Protein backbone atom coordinates (compact mmCIF):
# COMPACT_ATOMS: atom_id res chain seq x y z
CA MET A 1 103.52 -4.90 177.96
CA GLY A 2 104.41 -1.58 176.45
CA GLY A 3 107.47 -1.71 174.26
CA TRP A 4 108.98 -4.90 175.69
CA ASP A 5 109.91 -7.62 173.18
CA ILE A 6 109.52 -10.23 175.91
CA GLY A 7 106.10 -10.39 177.56
CA LEU A 8 105.72 -10.18 181.32
CA PHE A 9 104.56 -13.78 181.55
CA ASP A 10 107.03 -15.21 179.00
CA CYS A 11 108.95 -16.88 181.80
CA SER A 12 108.93 -20.11 179.78
CA LYS A 13 111.64 -18.62 177.55
CA ASN A 14 114.06 -19.13 180.45
CA PRO A 15 112.28 -21.13 183.15
CA ILE A 16 115.44 -21.83 185.15
CA MET A 17 116.02 -18.11 185.67
CA PHE A 18 112.37 -17.67 186.67
CA VAL A 19 112.79 -20.36 189.33
CA TRP A 20 116.08 -18.66 190.31
CA ALA A 21 114.25 -15.32 190.81
CA CYS A 22 111.45 -16.94 192.83
CA CYS A 23 113.27 -19.51 194.94
CA VAL A 24 116.91 -18.49 195.41
CA PRO A 25 117.35 -15.98 198.23
CA CYS A 26 118.41 -12.68 196.64
CA GLY A 27 118.11 -14.28 193.18
CA GLY A 28 116.15 -11.33 191.80
CA LEU A 29 118.72 -8.96 193.30
CA CYS A 30 121.49 -10.75 191.45
CA MET A 31 119.55 -10.63 188.20
CA GLN A 32 118.98 -6.88 188.50
CA GLY A 33 122.67 -6.43 189.29
CA ILE A 34 123.66 -8.32 186.14
CA ASP A 35 121.17 -6.26 184.12
CA ALA A 36 122.74 -3.04 185.40
CA LYS A 37 126.26 -4.33 184.77
CA LEU A 38 125.45 -5.20 181.15
CA THR A 39 123.54 -2.01 180.31
CA ASP A 40 125.32 0.72 182.29
CA HIS A 41 128.96 1.61 181.75
CA ASP A 42 129.34 2.98 185.29
CA LYS A 43 131.57 0.58 187.22
CA ASN A 44 129.32 0.90 190.29
CA ALA A 45 126.05 0.27 188.44
CA CYS A 46 125.75 -3.32 189.67
CA LEU A 47 126.31 -2.32 193.30
CA ILE A 48 123.86 0.58 193.06
CA ALA A 49 121.16 -1.62 191.50
CA VAL A 50 121.56 -4.31 194.16
CA LEU A 51 121.55 -1.80 197.02
CA LEU A 52 118.47 -0.01 195.64
CA ASP A 53 116.55 -3.28 195.39
CA CYS A 54 117.81 -4.60 198.73
CA CYS A 55 117.33 -1.44 200.79
CA CYS A 56 114.25 0.05 199.14
CA GLY A 57 112.35 -3.09 198.10
CA ALA A 58 109.73 -2.55 195.41
CA ILE A 59 110.62 1.14 195.11
CA GLY A 60 114.25 0.22 194.37
CA ALA A 61 113.14 -2.44 191.90
CA THR A 62 110.92 0.15 190.20
CA ILE A 63 113.84 2.57 189.91
CA ASN A 64 116.04 -0.20 188.46
CA ARG A 65 113.35 -1.16 185.97
CA TYR A 66 112.88 2.48 184.95
CA LYS A 67 116.65 2.95 184.44
CA LEU A 68 116.81 -0.25 182.40
CA ARG A 69 113.97 0.86 180.15
CA ASP A 70 115.70 4.20 179.66
CA LYS A 71 118.99 2.54 178.66
CA LEU A 72 117.30 0.11 176.27
CA LYS A 73 114.85 2.73 174.91
CA ILE A 74 111.78 0.70 175.90
CA HIS A 75 108.62 2.78 176.10
CA ASP A 76 106.34 1.99 179.02
CA SER A 77 105.10 3.88 182.08
CA ILE A 78 106.59 4.31 185.53
CA LEU A 79 103.20 3.27 186.91
CA MET A 80 103.51 -0.10 185.18
CA ASP A 81 107.08 -0.42 186.50
CA CYS A 82 105.77 0.16 190.02
CA LEU A 83 102.84 -2.25 189.69
CA ILE A 84 105.02 -4.98 188.23
CA SER A 85 107.68 -4.52 190.92
CA CYS A 86 105.06 -4.66 193.68
CA PHE A 87 102.84 -7.49 192.46
CA CYS A 88 104.77 -9.54 189.86
CA GLY A 89 108.36 -9.13 191.01
CA CYS A 90 109.67 -12.52 189.87
CA CYS A 91 108.05 -12.23 186.44
CA GLY A 92 109.25 -8.64 186.06
CA VAL A 93 112.84 -9.43 186.98
CA THR A 94 112.83 -12.42 184.63
CA GLN A 95 111.43 -10.26 181.82
CA GLU A 96 114.19 -7.69 182.41
CA TYR A 97 116.89 -10.35 182.56
CA ILE A 98 115.79 -12.14 179.37
CA THR A 99 115.53 -8.82 177.52
CA VAL A 100 119.01 -7.66 178.57
CA VAL A 101 120.72 -11.00 177.97
CA LYS A 102 119.08 -11.36 174.57
CA ASP A 103 120.11 -7.79 173.64
CA LYS A 104 123.66 -7.84 175.03
CA LYS A 105 124.67 -11.51 174.74
CA GLY A 106 122.40 -12.73 171.93
CA ASN A 107 121.11 -15.68 173.95
CA GLU A 108 117.87 -15.38 175.91
CA LYS A 109 118.50 -18.76 177.56
CA ALA A 110 121.84 -17.77 179.16
CA MET A 111 122.13 -18.61 182.83
CA ILE A 112 123.30 -16.08 185.39
CA TRP A 113 126.34 -18.14 186.40
CA GLU A 114 127.53 -18.17 182.77
CA ILE A 115 127.25 -14.39 182.53
CA MET A 116 129.03 -13.81 185.85
CA LYS A 117 132.11 -15.58 184.47
CA ASP A 118 132.49 -12.96 181.72
């Protein structure tokens, strides 16, 4: 979709993280927090991303997705961010996570627990 290198339904590139986003309580929150930590140099970026998603639901997830696209210079629309956050949350979070990890760590198959150690 839009300017993303990873398609919305390319969850098979990291199926474990897709299952993590869908089945682990707050798994998607953690993934958005890691995305913010890796892309934003503000020391509170992770906390802000998690609180936005936790307290504001799909609106917070939309804001996080928009900020991520801005940082990575990915061209898409805020409307698509909102629709994806509302209706395809697990796929959207996985797409964001794979994109960030591939860009910042060079490994689209990295697991969240490996990244948290860094």
